[in-house]
């Protein structure tokens, strides 16, 4: 059964006793991992409890198909529900899980499966979505609403008082990956201390600058497949002091928007209706360009672009290559990919 968004929170807090497994998948790898850990903690308390938790890889299941049934059937030596965790699962184990869910072992053993960005026709997705005793939870890339919810969640957890203009700033500054956003917010909470107050100036100093419309030239050029224009606009932005992290986050937000709009096309909407549904609305002068970009960036390719930009941000925050180099390489790679897609369409 595919869970509707409104049911996800209650399921992670208290899954129905009749359910024997849950697949958590989607393009937001940070959110997939976060929800998987939450569900594991709900069922067994301690994910490291070797008496109640068995960790299996997809490769192990392919090599030893009966292992899934055997592990789920075991009784916990210390009492409590048995849990099997399977990471990085894909369609190679789709048929195996379809058989398992059709005839699970006796008892109440539960299986948590982490998957990637699975297509609608994925055999693994279908196995869980078609089963009455299993749940499938999709984890899509965070947009403004989800980011604001996360900001307020972390603020409540640490009893932070946020200045009125701080929340909109954080929403515009944070990227689309849940894990990275939570990391930034926890850093802010650590600075303020539990029960502390956060001003806009403090948020800006710790989280970074908000994405600015002036970055649009570089991002739109990349999305339209114009490496020369992207290089020129990007060079200008960096020369003016723009942060590579800021640029990468602005690009993430743009490709999340492309991803979500392209998903509406996949659901049957036409381009005009899909673009009209964007909130806040696109500036009218940008609509033609955005429509061209939609033809180059179907939902799956847009999600892959976001993943590449998120990875560039991760690397830029490490002690490796300079952030400017990584930012430039990521955007130009996207621009060249779009240029090749344009050539194929010609």
C-alpha atoms as a PDB file:
ATOM      1  CA  UNK A   1       0.000   0.000   0.000  1.00  0.00           C
ATOM      2  CA  UNK A   2       1.330   3.404  -0.942  1.00  0.00           C
ATOM      3  CA  UNK A   3       0.889   5.723   2.005  1.00  0.00           C
ATOM      4  CA  UNK A   4      -0.579   9.148   1.347  1.00  0.00           C
ATOM      5  CA  UNK A   5       1.556  12.025   2.726  1.00  0.00           C
ATOM      6  CA  UNK A   6      -0.977  12.742   5.474  1.00  0.00           C
ATOM      7  CA  UNK A   7      -0.592   9.183   6.835  1.00  0.00           C
ATOM      8  CA  UNK A   8       3.203   8.988   6.863  1.00  0.00           C
ATOM      9  CA  UNK A   9       3.806  10.691  10.209  1.00  0.00           C
ATOM     10  CA  UNK A  10       1.301   8.544  12.086  1.00  0.00           C
ATOM     11  CA  UNK A  11       2.670   5.369  10.483  1.00  0.00           C
ATOM     12  CA  UNK A  12       6.259   6.183  11.463  1.00  0.00           C
ATOM     13  CA  UNK A  13       5.066   6.825  15.020  1.00  0.00           C
ATOM     14  CA  UNK A  14       2.797   3.784  15.314  1.00  0.00           C
ATOM     15  CA  UNK A  15       2.694   1.389  12.328  1.00  0.00           C
ATOM     16  CA  UNK A  16      -0.433  -0.736  12.030  1.00  0.00           C
ATOM     17  CA  UNK A  17       0.088  -4.164  13.675  1.00  0.00           C
ATOM     18  CA  UNK A  18      -1.096  -5.974  10.524  1.00  0.00           C
ATOM     19  CA  UNK A  19       1.752  -4.506   8.448  1.00  0.00           C
ATOM     20  CA  UNK A  20       4.815  -6.718   8.097  1.00  0.00           C
ATOM     21  CA  UNK A  21       7.130  -4.533   5.984  1.00  0.00           C
ATOM     22  CA  UNK A  22       7.777  -1.020   4.746  1.00  0.00           C
ATOM     23  CA  UNK A  23       9.674   0.266   1.708  1.00  0.00           C
ATOM     24  CA  UNK A  24      11.087   3.788   2.023  1.00  0.00           C
ATOM     25  CA  UNK A  25      12.386   5.214  -1.246  1.00  0.00           C
ATOM     26  CA  UNK A  26      12.804   8.356  -3.332  1.00  0.00           C
ATOM     27  CA  UNK A  27      15.254  10.949  -4.643  1.00  0.00           C
ATOM     28  CA  UNK A  28      15.865  12.546  -1.230  1.00  0.00           C
ATOM     29  CA  UNK A  29      18.400  10.120   0.225  1.00  0.00           C
ATOM     30  CA  UNK A  30      18.661  12.119   3.438  1.00  0.00           C
ATOM     31  CA  UNK A  31      14.916  11.878   4.078  1.00  0.00           C
ATOM     32  CA  UNK A  32      14.889   8.178   3.160  1.00  0.00           C
ATOM     33  CA  UNK A  33      17.564   7.457   5.783  1.00  0.00           C
ATOM     34  CA  UNK A  34      15.889   9.682   8.383  1.00  0.00           C
ATOM     35  CA  UNK A  35      12.506   7.993   8.017  1.00  0.00           C
ATOM     36  CA  UNK A  36      14.028   4.512   7.989  1.00  0.00           C
ATOM     37  CA  UNK A  37      15.842   5.193  11.274  1.00  0.00           C
ATOM     38  CA  UNK A  38      12.651   6.614  12.802  1.00  0.00           C
ATOM     39  CA  UNK A  39      10.686   3.520  11.883  1.00  0.00           C
ATOM     40  CA  UNK A  40      13.382   1.190  13.188  1.00  0.00           C
ATOM     41  CA  UNK A  41      13.457   3.094  16.496  1.00  0.00           C
ATOM     42  CA  UNK A  42       9.669   2.922  16.746  1.00  0.00           C
ATOM     43  CA  UNK A  43       9.688  -0.857  16.379  1.00  0.00           C
ATOM     44  CA  UNK A  44      12.791  -1.933  18.321  1.00  0.00           C
ATOM     45  CA  UNK A  45      13.996   1.146  20.183  1.00  0.00           C
ATOM     46  CA  UNK A  46      17.708   0.589  19.616  1.00  0.00           C
ATOM     47  CA  UNK A  47      18.809   0.018  15.982  1.00  0.00           C
ATOM     48  CA  UNK A  48      22.043  -1.528  17.298  1.00  0.00           C
ATOM     49  CA  UNK A  49      20.233  -4.263  19.282  1.00  0.00           C
ATOM     50  CA  UNK A  50      21.763  -7.389  17.740  1.00  0.00           C
ATOM     51  CA  UNK A  51      19.201  -9.608  19.505  1.00  0.00           C
ATOM     52  CA  UNK A  52      16.285  -7.962  17.701  1.00  0.00           C
ATOM     53  CA  UNK A  53      17.748  -6.468  14.511  1.00  0.00           C
ATOM     54  CA  UNK A  54      19.220  -8.268  11.498  1.00  0.00           C
ATOM     55  CA  UNK A  55      20.910  -6.163   8.822  1.00  0.00           C
ATOM     56  CA  UNK A  56      20.986  -7.654   5.332  1.00  0.00           C
ATOM     57  CA  UNK A  57      22.164  -6.308   2.002  1.00  0.00           C
ATOM     58  CA  UNK A  58      20.331  -6.757  -1.292  1.00  0.00           C
ATOM     59  CA  UNK A  59      23.329  -8.750  -2.524  1.00  0.00           C
ATOM     60  CA  UNK A  60      22.959 -11.166   0.392  1.00  0.00           C
ATOM     61  CA  UNK A  61      19.291 -11.703  -0.405  1.00  0.00           C
ATOM     62  CA  UNK A  62      20.088 -12.419  -4.052  1.00  0.00           C
ATOM     63  CA  UNK A  63      22.729 -14.946  -3.037  1.00  0.00           C
ATOM     64  CA  UNK A  64      20.580 -16.485  -0.273  1.00  0.00           C
ATOM     65  CA  UNK A  65      16.862 -15.895  -1.053  1.00  0.00           C
ATOM     66  CA  UNK A  66      15.547 -17.918   1.965  1.00  0.00           C
ATOM     67  CA  UNK A  67      17.517 -15.676   4.329  1.00  0.00           C
ATOM     68  CA  UNK A  68      14.808 -12.985   4.396  1.00  0.00           C
ATOM     69  CA  UNK A  69      12.113 -15.419   5.505  1.00  0.00           C
ATOM     70  CA  UNK A  70      14.420 -17.113   8.020  1.00  0.00           C
ATOM     71  CA  UNK A  71      15.575 -13.872   9.674  1.00  0.00           C
ATOM     72  CA  UNK A  72      12.040 -12.457   9.928  1.00  0.00           C
ATOM     73  CA  UNK A  73      10.761 -15.731  11.421  1.00  0.00           C
ATOM     74  CA  UNK A  74      13.276 -15.811  14.272  1.00  0.00           C
ATOM     75  CA  UNK A  75      12.122 -14.988  17.771  1.00  0.00           C
ATOM     76  CA  UNK A  76      13.997 -12.330  19.688  1.00  0.00           C
ATOM     77  CA  UNK A  77      15.978 -13.846  22.565  1.00  0.00           C
ATOM     78  CA  UNK A  78      15.206 -10.862  24.800  1.00  0.00           C
ATOM     79  CA  UNK A  79      11.580 -10.428  23.779  1.00  0.00           C
ATOM     80  CA  UNK A  80      10.014  -7.785  21.570  1.00  0.00           C
ATOM     81  CA  UNK A  81       9.380  -7.601  17.851  1.00  0.00           C
ATOM     82  CA  UNK A  82      11.993  -8.917  15.418  1.00  0.00           C
ATOM     83  CA  UNK A  83      13.193  -6.484  12.728  1.00  0.00           C
ATOM     84  CA  UNK A  84      15.070  -7.053   9.466  1.00  0.00           C
ATOM     85  CA  UNK A  85      16.687  -4.052   7.775  1.00  0.00           C
ATOM     86  CA  UNK A  86      17.621  -4.187   4.074  1.00  0.00           C
ATOM     87  CA  UNK A  87      19.598  -1.299   2.591  1.00  0.00           C
ATOM     88  CA  UNK A  88      20.166  -0.088  -0.995  1.00  0.00           C
ATOM     89  CA  UNK A  89      17.472  -2.330  -2.428  1.00  0.00           C
ATOM     90  CA  UNK A  90      16.384  -2.163  -6.063  1.00  0.00           C
ATOM     91  CA  UNK A  91      14.361  -4.063  -8.626  1.00  0.00           C
ATOM     92  CA  UNK A  92      16.736  -7.020  -8.479  1.00  0.00           C
ATOM     93  CA  UNK A  93      14.948  -8.064  -5.262  1.00  0.00           C
ATOM     94  CA  UNK A  94      11.467  -6.996  -6.378  1.00  0.00           C
ATOM     95  CA  UNK A  95      10.240 -10.528  -7.105  1.00  0.00           C
ATOM     96  CA  UNK A  96      11.740 -11.834  -3.862  1.00  0.00           C
ATOM     97  CA  UNK A  97       9.767  -9.314  -1.808  1.00  0.00           C
ATOM     98  CA  UNK A  98       6.598  -9.966  -3.791  1.00  0.00           C
ATOM     99  CA  UNK A  99       6.848 -13.648  -2.782  1.00  0.00           C
ATOM    100  CA  UNK A 100       7.691 -12.770   0.814  1.00  0.00           C
ATOM    101  CA  UNK A 101       4.739 -10.418   1.237  1.00  0.00           C
ATOM    102  CA  UNK A 102       2.377 -12.938  -0.341  1.00  0.00           C
ATOM    103  CA  UNK A 103       3.398 -15.546   2.264  1.00  0.00           C
ATOM    104  CA  UNK A 104       5.218 -14.003   5.258  1.00  0.00           C
ATOM    105  CA  UNK A 105       6.366 -16.205   8.141  1.00  0.00           C
ATOM    106  CA  UNK A 106       4.293 -16.633  11.260  1.00  0.00           C
ATOM    107  CA  UNK A 107       4.811 -14.116  14.016  1.00  0.00           C
ATOM    108  CA  UNK A 108       5.141 -10.355  13.903  1.00  0.00           C
ATOM    109  CA  UNK A 109       8.612  -9.858  12.378  1.00  0.00           C
ATOM    110  CA  UNK A 110       8.916  -6.580  10.487  1.00  0.00           C
ATOM    111  CA  UNK A 111      11.107  -5.687   7.487  1.00  0.00           C
ATOM    112  CA  UNK A 112      12.332  -2.149   6.732  1.00  0.00           C
ATOM    113  CA  UNK A 113      13.693  -1.651   3.206  1.00  0.00           C
ATOM    114  CA  UNK A 114      15.597   1.388   1.950  1.00  0.00           C
ATOM    115  CA  UNK A 115      15.375   1.947  -1.799  1.00  0.00           C
ATOM    116  CA  UNK A 116      16.630   4.579  -4.214  1.00  0.00           C
ATOM    117  CA  UNK A 117      14.696   6.765  -6.649  1.00  0.00           C
ATOM    118  CA  UNK A 118      12.471   3.977  -7.949  1.00  0.00           C
ATOM    119  CA  UNK A 119      10.366   4.456 -11.089  1.00  0.00           C
ATOM    120  CA  UNK A 120       6.553   4.074 -10.922  1.00  0.00           C
ATOM    121  CA  UNK A 121       6.851   0.757 -12.770  1.00  0.00           C
ATOM    122  CA  UNK A 122       9.570  -0.531 -10.433  1.00  0.00           C
ATOM    123  CA  UNK A 123       8.954  -4.153  -9.475  1.00  0.00           C
ATOM    124  CA  UNK A 124      10.066  -3.417  -5.910  1.00  0.00           C
ATOM    125  CA  UNK A 125       7.606  -0.532  -5.619  1.00  0.00           C
ATOM    126  CA  UNK A 126       4.797  -2.621  -7.087  1.00  0.00           C
ATOM    127  CA  UNK A 127       5.492  -5.448  -4.623  1.00  0.00           C
ATOM    128  CA  UNK A 128       4.932  -3.106  -1.672  1.00  0.00           C
ATOM    129  CA  UNK A 129       2.222  -0.907  -3.185  1.00  0.00           C
ATOM    130  CA  UNK A 130       0.109  -3.921  -4.174  1.00  0.00           C
ATOM    131  CA  UNK A 131       0.449  -5.702  -0.828  1.00  0.00           C
ATOM    132  CA  UNK A 132      -2.166  -5.217   1.896  1.00  0.00           C
ATOM    133  CA  UNK A 133       0.330  -6.073   4.630  1.00  0.00           C
ATOM    134  CA  UNK A 134       3.079  -3.615   3.588  1.00  0.00           C
ATOM    135  CA  UNK A 135       3.590   0.119   3.183  1.00  0.00           C
ATOM    136  CA  UNK A 136       5.507   2.143   0.607  1.00  0.00           C
ATOM    137  CA  UNK A 137       6.659   5.629   1.614  1.00  0.00           C
ATOM    138  CA  UNK A 138       7.951   8.038  -1.030  1.00  0.00           C
ATOM    139  CA  UNK A 139      10.551  10.639  -0.015  1.00  0.00           C
ATOM    140  CA  UNK A 140      10.540  13.558  -2.410  1.00  0.00           C
ATOM    141  CA  UNK A 141      12.932  16.489  -2.431  1.00  0.00           C
ATOM    142  CA  UNK A 142      12.106  19.217   0.046  1.00  0.00           C
ATOM    143  CA  UNK A 143      10.349  22.339  -1.182  1.00  0.00           C
ATOM    144  CA  UNK A 144       9.632  25.562   0.763  1.00  0.00           C
ATOM    145  CA  UNK A 145       6.747  24.042   2.753  1.00  0.00           C
ATOM    146  CA  UNK A 146       8.781  21.031   3.890  1.00  0.00           C
ATOM    147  CA  UNK A 147      11.800  23.177   4.725  1.00  0.00           C
ATOM    148  CA  UNK A 148       9.681  25.519   6.864  1.00  0.00           C
ATOM    149  CA  UNK A 149       8.204  22.522   8.671  1.00  0.00           C
ATOM    150  CA  UNK A 150      11.725  21.229   9.379  1.00  0.00           C
ATOM    151  CA  UNK A 151      12.860  24.646  10.642  1.00  0.00           C
ATOM    152  CA  UNK A 152       9.964  24.788  13.084  1.00  0.00           C
ATOM    153  CA  UNK A 153      10.471  21.155  14.135  1.00  0.00           C
ATOM    154  CA  UNK A 154      14.117  21.753  15.082  1.00  0.00           C
ATOM    155  CA  UNK A 155      13.198  25.030  16.795  1.00  0.00           C
ATOM    156  CA  UNK A 156      10.586  23.244  18.934  1.00  0.00           C
ATOM    157  CA  UNK A 157      12.979  20.417  19.792  1.00  0.00           C
ATOM    158  CA  UNK A 158      15.566  22.908  21.108  1.00  0.00           C
ATOM    159  CA  UNK A 159      13.037  25.462  22.420  1.00  0.00           C
ATOM    160  CA  UNK A 160      14.536  28.118  20.146  1.00  0.00           C
ATOM    161  CA  UNK A 161      13.006  31.531  19.763  1.00  0.00           C
ATOM    162  CA  UNK A 162      13.343  32.629  16.121  1.00  0.00           C
ATOM    163  CA  UNK A 163      13.037  36.268  15.130  1.00  0.00           C
ATOM    164  CA  UNK A 164      10.087  36.773  12.723  1.00  0.00           C
ATOM    165  CA  UNK A 165      12.299  37.389   9.690  1.00  0.00           C
ATOM    166  CA  UNK A 166      14.555  34.425  10.473  1.00  0.00           C
ATOM    167  CA  UNK A 167      12.182  31.667   9.341  1.00  0.00           C
ATOM    168  CA  UNK A 168      11.665  33.021   5.781  1.00  0.00           C
ATOM    169  CA  UNK A 169      15.414  33.535   5.517  1.00  0.00           C
ATOM    170  CA  UNK A 170      16.173  29.943   6.530  1.00  0.00           C
ATOM    171  CA  UNK A 171      13.548  28.582   4.137  1.00  0.00           C
ATOM    172  CA  UNK A 172      15.167  30.442   1.246  1.00  0.00           C
ATOM    173  CA  UNK A 173      18.698  29.509   2.301  1.00  0.00           C
ATOM    174  CA  UNK A 174      18.507  25.787   2.962  1.00  0.00           C
ATOM    175  CA  UNK A 175      18.834  23.238   0.184  1.00  0.00           C
ATOM    176  CA  UNK A 176      16.533  20.396  -0.858  1.00  0.00           C
ATOM    177  CA  UNK A 177      18.337  17.519   0.897  1.00  0.00           C
ATOM    178  CA  UNK A 178      16.788  16.782   4.298  1.00  0.00           C
ATOM    179  CA  UNK A 179      19.981  15.532   5.918  1.00  0.00           C
ATOM    180  CA  UNK A 180      22.010  18.593   4.929  1.00  0.00           C
ATOM    181  CA  UNK A 181      19.228  20.969   5.996  1.00  0.00           C
ATOM    182  CA  UNK A 182      18.909  19.297   9.386  1.00  0.00           C
ATOM    183  CA  UNK A 183      22.683  19.457   9.816  1.00  0.00           C
ATOM    184  CA  UNK A 184      22.646  23.219   9.215  1.00  0.00           C
ATOM    185  CA  UNK A 185      19.743  23.741  11.626  1.00  0.00           C
ATOM    186  CA  UNK A 186      21.347  21.619  14.337  1.00  0.00           C
ATOM    187  CA  UNK A 187      24.482  23.726  13.979  1.00  0.00           C
ATOM    188  CA  UNK A 188      22.367  26.839  14.513  1.00  0.00           C
ATOM    189  CA  UNK A 189      20.697  25.240  17.556  1.00  0.00           C
ATOM    190  CA  UNK A 190      24.080  24.301  19.018  1.00  0.00           C
ATOM    191  CA  UNK A 191      25.224  27.919  18.674  1.00  0.00           C
ATOM    192  CA  UNK A 192      22.096  29.334  20.312  1.00  0.00           C
ATOM    193  CA  UNK A 193      21.804  26.657  22.985  1.00  0.00           C
ATOM    194  CA  UNK A 194      18.568  25.056  24.170  1.00  0.00           C
ATOM    195  CA  UNK A 195      16.053  27.753  24.958  1.00  0.00           C
ATOM    196  CA  UNK A 196      18.111  30.403  23.149  1.00  0.00           C
ATOM    197  CA  UNK A 197      17.071  33.087  20.681  1.00  0.00           C
ATOM    198  CA  UNK A 198      18.224  33.398  17.065  1.00  0.00           C
ATOM    199  CA  UNK A 199      18.327  36.655  15.153  1.00  0.00           C
ATOM    200  CA  UNK A 200      18.432  37.074  11.394  1.00  0.00           C
ATOM    201  CA  UNK A 201      22.055  38.229  11.560  1.00  0.00           C
ATOM    202  CA  UNK A 202      23.072  35.122  13.503  1.00  0.00           C
ATOM    203  CA  UNK A 203      21.227  32.816  11.093  1.00  0.00           C
ATOM    204  CA  UNK A 204      22.891  34.521   8.118  1.00  0.00           C
ATOM    205  CA  UNK A 205      26.321  34.207   9.694  1.00  0.00           C
ATOM    206  CA  UNK A 206      25.931  30.492  10.473  1.00  0.00           C
ATOM    207  CA  UNK A 207      23.774  29.121   7.672  1.00  0.00           C
ATOM    208  CA  UNK A 208      24.914  31.298   4.779  1.00  0.00           C
ATOM    209  CA  UNK A 209      23.311  33.755   2.420  1.00  0.00           C
ATOM    210  CA  UNK A 210      19.897  33.237   0.864  1.00  0.00           C
ATOM    211  CA  UNK A 211      19.648  32.388  -2.828  1.00  0.00           C
ATOM    212  CA  UNK A 212      19.232  35.539  -4.866  1.00  0.00           C
ATOM    213  CA  UNK A 213      17.465  36.082  -8.172  1.00  0.00           C
ATOM    214  CA  UNK A 214      20.718  37.470  -9.585  1.00  0.00           C
ATOM    215  CA  UNK A 215      21.952  33.886  -9.721  1.00  0.00           C
ATOM    216  CA  UNK A 216      19.181  33.064 -12.170  1.00  0.00           C
ATOM    217  CA  UNK A 217      21.266  33.817 -15.239  1.00  0.00           C
ATOM    218  CA  UNK A 218      23.818  31.114 -14.444  1.00  0.00           C
ATOM    219  CA  UNK A 219      21.216  28.566 -13.362  1.00  0.00           C
ATOM    220  CA  UNK A 220      18.849  29.161 -16.277  1.00  0.00           C
ATOM    221  CA  UNK A 221      21.753  29.001 -18.727  1.00  0.00           C
ATOM    222  CA  UNK A 222      22.802  25.648 -17.249  1.00  0.00           C
ATOM    223  CA  UNK A 223      19.256  24.272 -17.377  1.00  0.00           C
ATOM    224  CA  UNK A 224      18.798  25.394 -20.993  1.00  0.00           C
ATOM    225  CA  UNK A 225      22.071  23.819 -22.135  1.00  0.00           C
ATOM    226  CA  UNK A 226      24.145  26.953 -22.639  1.00  0.00           C
ATOM    227  CA  UNK A 227      27.601  26.210 -21.137  1.00  0.00           C
ATOM    228  CA  UNK A 228      29.106  29.468 -22.449  1.00  0.00           C
ATOM    229  CA  UNK A 229      26.360  31.597 -20.921  1.00  0.00           C
ATOM    230  CA  UNK A 230      26.529  29.600 -17.703  1.00  0.00           C
ATOM    231  CA  UNK A 231      30.297  30.053 -17.442  1.00  0.00           C
ATOM    232  CA  UNK A 232      30.026  33.787 -18.068  1.00  0.00           C
ATOM    233  CA  UNK A 233      27.215  34.365 -15.533  1.00  0.00           C
ATOM    234  CA  UNK A 234      28.803  32.060 -12.973  1.00  0.00           C
ATOM    235  CA  UNK A 235      32.152  33.826 -13.266  1.00  0.00           C
ATOM    236  CA  UNK A 236      30.426  37.159 -12.728  1.00  0.00           C
ATOM    237  CA  UNK A 237      28.530  35.885  -9.688  1.00  0.00           C
ATOM    238  CA  UNK A 238      31.661  34.436  -8.086  1.00  0.00           C
ATOM    239  CA  UNK A 239      33.658  37.594  -8.843  1.00  0.00           C
ATOM    240  CA  UNK A 240      30.977  39.626  -7.076  1.00  0.00           C
ATOM    241  CA  UNK A 241      31.514  37.555  -3.961  1.00  0.00           C
ATOM    242  CA  UNK A 242      28.703  35.005  -4.232  1.00  0.00           C
ATOM    243  CA  UNK A 243      29.297  31.924  -2.111  1.00  0.00           C
ATOM    244  CA  UNK A 244      29.598  28.595  -3.995  1.00  0.00           C
ATOM    245  CA  UNK A 245      27.284  27.061  -1.388  1.00  0.00           C
ATOM    246  CA  UNK A 246      24.713  29.762  -2.045  1.00  0.00           C
ATOM    247  CA  UNK A 247      24.889  29.129  -5.789  1.00  0.00           C
ATOM    248  CA  UNK A 248      24.591  25.357  -5.366  1.00  0.00           C
ATOM    249  CA  UNK A 249      21.561  25.743  -3.107  1.00  0.00           C
ATOM    250  CA  UNK A 250      19.861  28.116  -5.522  1.00  0.00           C
ATOM    251  CA  UNK A 251      20.474  25.597  -8.311  1.00  0.00           C
ATOM    252  CA  UNK A 252      19.072  22.812  -6.129  1.00  0.00           C
ATOM    253  CA  UNK A 253      15.861  24.748  -5.567  1.00  0.00           C
ATOM    254  CA  UNK A 254      15.494  25.426  -9.281  1.00  0.00           C
ATOM    255  CA  UNK A 255      15.901  21.764 -10.230  1.00  0.00           C
ATOM    256  CA  UNK A 256      13.550  20.684  -7.448  1.00  0.00           C
ATOM    257  CA  UNK A 257      10.993  23.004  -9.046  1.00  0.00           C
ATOM    258  CA  UNK A 258      11.684  21.438 -12.447  1.00  0.00           C
ATOM    259  CA  UNK A 259      11.365  17.968 -10.914  1.00  0.00           C
ATOM    260  CA  UNK A 260       8.010  18.707  -9.309  1.00  0.00           C
ATOM    261  CA  UNK A 261       6.615  20.410 -12.391  1.00  0.00           C
ATOM    262  CA  UNK A 262       7.782  17.564 -14.633  1.00  0.00           C
ATOM    263  CA  UNK A 263       6.093  15.114 -12.264  1.00  0.00           C
ATOM    264  CA  UNK A 264       2.809  16.920 -12.917  1.00  0.00           C
ATOM    265  CA  UNK A 265       3.370  16.353 -16.624  1.00  0.00           C
ATOM    266  CA  UNK A 266       3.857  12.645 -15.928  1.00  0.00           C
ATOM    267  CA  UNK A 267       0.492  12.664 -14.134  1.00  0.00           C
ATOM    268  CA  UNK A 268      -1.225  13.983 -17.270  1.00  0.00           C
ATOM    269  CA  UNK A 269      -1.162  17.765 -16.897  1.00  0.00           C
ATOM    270  CA  UNK A 270      -0.131  19.879 -19.885  1.00  0.00           C
ATOM    271  CA  UNK A 271       2.806  22.281 -19.637  1.00  0.00           C
ATOM    272  CA  UNK A 272       0.640  25.376 -19.186  1.00  0.00           C
ATOM    273  CA  UNK A 273      -1.345  23.842 -16.328  1.00  0.00           C
ATOM    274  CA  UNK A 274       1.758  22.430 -14.667  1.00  0.00           C
ATOM    275  CA  UNK A 275       3.524  25.797 -14.762  1.00  0.00           C
ATOM    276  CA  UNK A 276       0.385  27.608 -13.578  1.00  0.00           C
ATOM    277  CA  UNK A 277       0.367  25.374 -10.482  1.00  0.00           C
ATOM    278  CA  UNK A 278       3.789  26.633  -9.352  1.00  0.00           C
ATOM    279  CA  UNK A 279       3.692  28.573  -6.079  1.00  0.00           C
ATOM    280  CA  UNK A 280       4.784  31.272  -5.803  1.00  0.00           C
ATOM    281  CA  UNK A 281       4.027  31.861  -9.504  1.00  0.00           C
ATOM    282  CA  UNK A 282       6.877  32.151 -11.980  1.00  0.00           C
ATOM    283  CA  UNK A 283       7.734  35.643 -13.165  1.00  0.00           C
ATOM    284  CA  UNK A 284       5.978  35.900 -16.530  1.00  0.00           C
ATOM    285  CA  UNK A 285       9.209  36.691 -18.412  1.00  0.00           C
ATOM    286  CA  UNK A 286      10.691  33.376 -17.262  1.00  0.00           C
ATOM    287  CA  UNK A 287       7.831  31.105 -18.370  1.00  0.00           C
ATOM    288  CA  UNK A 288       9.048  30.476 -21.927  1.00  0.00           C
ATOM    289  CA  UNK A 289      12.521  29.559 -20.715  1.00  0.00           C
ATOM    290  CA  UNK A 290      11.092  27.315 -18.009  1.00  0.00           C
ATOM    291  CA  UNK A 291       8.889  25.560 -20.572  1.00  0.00           C
ATOM    292  CA  UNK A 292      11.959  24.861 -22.723  1.00  0.00           C
ATOM    293  CA  UNK A 293      13.754  23.494 -19.691  1.00  0.00           C
ATOM    294  CA  UNK A 294      10.877  21.126 -18.939  1.00  0.00           C
ATOM    295  CA  UNK A 295      11.401  19.486 -22.315  1.00  0.00           C
ATOM    296  CA  UNK A 296      15.058  18.865 -21.427  1.00  0.00           C
ATOM    297  CA  UNK A 297      14.539  17.825 -17.809  1.00  0.00           C
ATOM    298  CA  UNK A 298      11.908  15.137 -17.264  1.00  0.00           C
ATOM    299  CA  UNK A 299      11.320  14.270 -13.630  1.00  0.00           C
ATOM    300  CA  UNK A 300      13.956  11.553 -13.365  1.00  0.00           C
ATOM    301  CA  UNK A 301      16.716  13.630 -14.986  1.00  0.00           C
ATOM    302  CA  UNK A 302      15.823  16.649 -12.844  1.00  0.00           C
ATOM    303  CA  UNK A 303      16.065  14.505  -9.708  1.00  0.00           C
ATOM    304  CA  UNK A 304      19.482  13.270 -10.835  1.00  0.00           C
ATOM    305  CA  UNK A 305      20.607  16.885 -11.314  1.00  0.00           C
ATOM    306  CA  UNK A 306      19.504  17.720  -7.761  1.00  0.00           C
ATOM    307  CA  UNK A 307      21.416  14.716  -6.437  1.00  0.00           C
ATOM    308  CA  UNK A 308      24.553  15.878  -8.276  1.00  0.00           C
ATOM    309  CA  UNK A 309      24.186  19.400  -6.856  1.00  0.00           C
ATOM    310  CA  UNK A 310      23.657  18.070  -3.336  1.00  0.00           C
ATOM    311  CA  UNK A 311      26.779  15.934  -3.681  1.00  0.00           C
ATOM    312  CA  UNK A 312      28.734  18.979  -4.887  1.00  0.00           C
ATOM    313  CA  UNK A 313      27.596  20.846  -1.768  1.00  0.00           C
ATOM    314  CA  UNK A 314      28.700  17.965   0.446  1.00  0.00           C
ATOM    315  CA  UNK A 315      32.124  17.931  -1.151  1.00  0.00           C
ATOM    316  CA  UNK A 316      32.417  21.711  -1.003  1.00  0.00           C
ATOM    317  CA  UNK A 317      31.924  21.513   2.775  1.00  0.00           C
ATOM    318  CA  UNK A 318      34.653  18.918   3.181  1.00  0.00           C
ATOM    319  CA  UNK A 319      38.357  19.534   3.265  1.00  0.00           C
ATOM    320  CA  UNK A 320      38.840  18.507  -0.349  1.00  0.00           C
ATOM    321  CA  UNK A 321      38.675  20.562  -3.539  1.00  0.00           C
ATOM    322  CA  UNK A 322      37.794  24.288  -3.396  1.00  0.00           C
ATOM    323  CA  UNK A 323      34.072  25.006  -3.317  1.00  0.00           C
ATOM    324  CA  UNK A 324      34.311  27.327  -6.312  1.00  0.00           C
ATOM    325  CA  UNK A 325      35.820  24.548  -8.443  1.00  0.00           C
ATOM    326  CA  UNK A 326      33.146  22.058  -7.425  1.00  0.00           C
ATOM    327  CA  UNK A 327      30.337  24.563  -7.983  1.00  0.00           C
ATOM    328  CA  UNK A 328      31.612  25.454 -11.437  1.00  0.00           C
ATOM    329  CA  UNK A 329      32.098  21.796 -12.409  1.00  0.00           C
ATOM    330  CA  UNK A 330      28.595  20.818 -11.245  1.00  0.00           C
ATOM    331  CA  UNK A 331      26.789  23.577 -13.148  1.00  0.00           C
ATOM    332  CA  UNK A 332      28.824  23.137 -16.314  1.00  0.00           C
ATOM    333  CA  UNK A 333      28.224  19.383 -16.248  1.00  0.00           C
ATOM    334  CA  UNK A 334      24.497  20.093 -16.078  1.00  0.00           C
ATOM    335  CA  UNK A 335      24.763  22.645 -18.900  1.00  0.00           C
ATOM    336  CA  UNK A 336      26.607  20.198 -21.155  1.00  0.00           C
ATOM    337  CA  UNK A 337      24.085  17.467 -20.392  1.00  0.00           C
ATOM    338  CA  UNK A 338      21.222  19.770 -21.357  1.00  0.00           C
ATOM    339  CA  UNK A 339      23.082  20.795 -24.520  1.00  0.00           C
ATOM    340  CA  UNK A 340      23.428  17.140 -25.514  1.00  0.00           C
ATOM    341  CA  UNK A 341      19.724  16.570 -24.813  1.00  0.00           C
ATOM    342  CA  UNK A 342      18.920  19.536 -27.069  1.00  0.00           C
ATOM    343  CA  UNK A 343      21.049  18.058 -29.847  1.00  0.00           C
ATOM    344  CA  UNK A 344      19.281  14.714 -29.558  1.00  0.00           C
ATOM    345  CA  UNK A 345      15.902  16.406 -29.866  1.00  0.00           C
ATOM    346  CA  UNK A 346      16.967  18.321 -32.994  1.00  0.00           C
END
